[in-house]
Each structure stands twice: as C-alpha cells, then as structure tokens.
Amino acid sequence: QVLLVESGGGLVQAGGSLRLSCVVSGSTIRFNAFDWSRQGPGKQRELVARIDNSGNTNYADSVKGRFTISRDNGKNTVYLQMNNLKPEDTAVYYCRTDIDANTYWGQGTQVTVSS
C-alpha cells in the first residue's frame, strides 16, 4: 500500500518561510515524478510545483523564485521549500504522484500566512 504523508505546515507571518515534506511509504520514489498542489479557501486546487525523476522542475508563475521543490530518493521524501510567503499562499498543500497507473495523494498540510 502506497502512502504519502505531508508535514511541515503551520502559521507564519508574511515574508516567512516553511518547508513541507512528503514522506512516501510502500514504494520507492526514484522512478516517479511528484507534484505539490494547493487549494485555498474558496478556490480550485492548483498545481504549484513539479519534479520529475531526473530532478527537472517546473513551477506556477505565482511561486517562481520563492518556492523550491526537491527530492531525496534515499529518504523517500519530496520537499517544498517556501520562502517570502504571502497571505495568498494560504492553502492546504497536497503531495501527489502516479505509480503503476494509480494516482496517490497525501492528506494535505495546512499553511496559513498572516499579513
């Protein structure tokens, strides 16, 4: 059974930083791409960042230059470093991957940025 567990969310002031972690169990991550998405209050879920199995990354325009996605295959963990946070970054953040034609999501971690 593949499980994704996010952590690292919390309450932070605007301009602050957080690092989210997505720990994967039940499968090695080395062959898989991962996404971080978020869903703010009253908003649709949006893709924030993506990393493929070679370490290539893509970002939403709204977070470029502030967020960094990375992976540690040895720890079976994907990270999202978030710097210079803004109130509009407030959302539940989710980790996602596809393994063997199945899509797996974590339970989400809440990030709240106060102004």
Protein backbone atom coordinates (compact mmCIF):
# COMPACT_ATOMS: atom_id res chain seq x y z
CA GLN A 1 0.00 0.00 0.00
CA VAL A 2 1.42 3.34 -1.06
CA LEU A 3 1.01 6.18 1.40
CA LEU A 4 2.00 9.83 1.12
CA VAL A 5 2.18 11.82 4.34
CA GLU A 6 2.74 15.56 4.27
CA SER A 7 4.02 17.61 7.16
CA GLY A 8 5.60 20.98 7.88
CA GLY A 9 2.63 23.28 7.52
CA GLY A 10 1.70 25.89 10.06
CA LEU A 11 1.05 29.55 10.75
CA VAL A 12 3.67 32.03 9.59
CA GLN A 13 3.85 35.76 9.07
CA ALA A 14 4.13 37.24 5.62
CA GLY A 15 7.74 37.13 4.47
CA GLY A 16 8.44 34.00 6.47
CA SER A 17 9.43 30.52 5.34
CA LEU A 18 8.24 26.95 5.73
CA ARG A 19 9.49 23.62 4.42
CA LEU A 20 6.93 20.98 3.60
CA SER A 21 7.83 17.30 3.49
CA CYS A 22 6.09 14.43 1.74
CA VAL A 23 7.22 11.06 3.03
CA VAL A 24 6.33 8.11 0.84
CA SER A 25 5.93 4.55 2.10
CA GLY A 26 5.11 1.37 0.23
CA SER A 27 7.14 2.20 -2.86
CA THR A 28 10.46 3.68 -3.87
CA ILE A 29 10.17 7.17 -5.27
CA ARG A 30 13.24 7.14 -7.52
CA PHE A 31 11.32 6.41 -10.72
CA ASN A 32 8.43 8.79 -10.19
CA ALA A 33 7.54 12.43 -10.72
CA PHE A 34 5.86 14.32 -7.89
CA ASP A 35 3.62 17.36 -7.68
CA TRP A 36 2.78 19.79 -4.95
CA SER A 37 -0.66 21.32 -5.36
CA ARG A 38 -2.66 23.63 -3.12
CA GLN A 39 -6.26 24.57 -2.51
CA GLY A 40 -7.01 27.88 -0.88
CA PRO A 41 -10.33 28.79 0.76
CA GLY A 42 -12.99 29.09 -1.89
CA LYS A 43 -10.53 28.29 -4.67
CA GLN A 44 -9.89 25.42 -7.02
CA ARG A 45 -6.89 23.19 -6.45
CA GLU A 46 -3.89 24.45 -8.40
CA LEU A 47 -0.56 22.89 -9.32
CA VAL A 48 2.30 24.67 -7.56
CA ALA A 49 5.43 22.71 -8.45
CA ARG A 50 6.54 19.51 -10.13
CA ILE A 51 9.72 17.47 -10.11
CA ASP A 52 10.43 14.56 -12.41
CA ASN A 53 12.58 11.50 -11.69
CA SER A 54 15.63 13.26 -13.14
CA GLY A 55 15.21 16.27 -10.86
CA ASN A 56 13.84 18.63 -13.51
CA THR A 57 11.41 21.12 -12.01
CA ASN A 58 8.50 23.33 -13.05
CA TYR A 59 6.67 26.00 -11.08
CA ALA A 60 3.49 28.01 -11.24
CA ASP A 61 4.18 31.62 -12.12
CA SER A 62 2.77 32.71 -8.77
CA VAL A 63 5.54 30.92 -6.84
CA LYS A 64 8.56 31.13 -9.16
CA GLY A 65 11.59 32.48 -7.37
CA ARG A 66 10.03 31.84 -3.95
CA PHE A 67 9.33 28.08 -3.82
CA THR A 68 11.73 25.22 -4.48
CA ILE A 69 10.74 21.59 -4.95
CA SER A 70 13.35 18.92 -4.30
CA ARG A 71 13.65 15.23 -3.61
CA ASP A 72 15.77 12.87 -1.55
CA ASN A 73 15.40 9.41 -3.04
CA GLY A 74 17.37 7.88 -0.19
CA LYS A 75 14.82 9.18 2.31
CA ASN A 76 11.84 8.54 0.00
CA THR A 77 10.86 12.15 0.59
CA VAL A 78 9.89 15.13 -1.53
CA TYR A 79 10.17 18.67 -0.19
CA LEU A 80 8.71 22.08 -0.91
CA GLN A 81 10.76 24.97 0.45
CA MET A 82 8.60 28.07 0.59
CA ASN A 83 10.23 31.46 1.13
CA ASN A 84 8.88 35.01 1.20
CA LEU A 85 5.41 33.68 1.90
CA LYS A 86 2.40 35.85 1.12
CA PRO A 87 -1.15 35.78 2.52
CA GLU A 88 -2.35 34.48 -0.85
CA ASP A 89 -0.22 31.37 -0.32
CA THR A 90 -2.65 30.32 2.43
CA ALA A 91 -3.98 26.91 1.45
CA VAL A 92 -3.93 23.22 2.13
CA TYR A 93 -0.90 21.79 0.35
CA TYR A 94 -1.00 18.30 -1.15
CA CYS A 95 1.64 15.95 -2.48
CA ARG A 96 0.75 13.72 -5.44
CA THR A 97 2.31 11.03 -7.59
CA ASP A 98 1.36 8.36 -10.10
CA ILE A 99 2.66 4.84 -9.54
CA ASP A 100 1.73 1.92 -11.80
CA ALA A 101 -1.18 3.84 -13.34
CA ASN A 102 -2.59 4.73 -9.92
CA THR A 103 -2.71 8.26 -8.53
CA TYR A 104 -1.85 8.81 -4.90
CA TRP A 105 -2.49 11.91 -2.81
CA GLY A 106 -1.45 12.78 0.67
CA GLN A 107 -3.90 14.05 3.27
CA GLY A 108 -2.66 17.62 2.97
CA THR A 109 -1.00 20.06 5.33
CA GLN A 110 -2.41 23.49 6.17
CA VAL A 111 -0.31 26.59 5.51
CA THR A 112 -1.62 29.87 6.84
CA VAL A 113 0.17 33.14 6.15
CA SER A 114 -0.84 36.17 8.19
CA SER A 115 -0.38 39.72 6.97
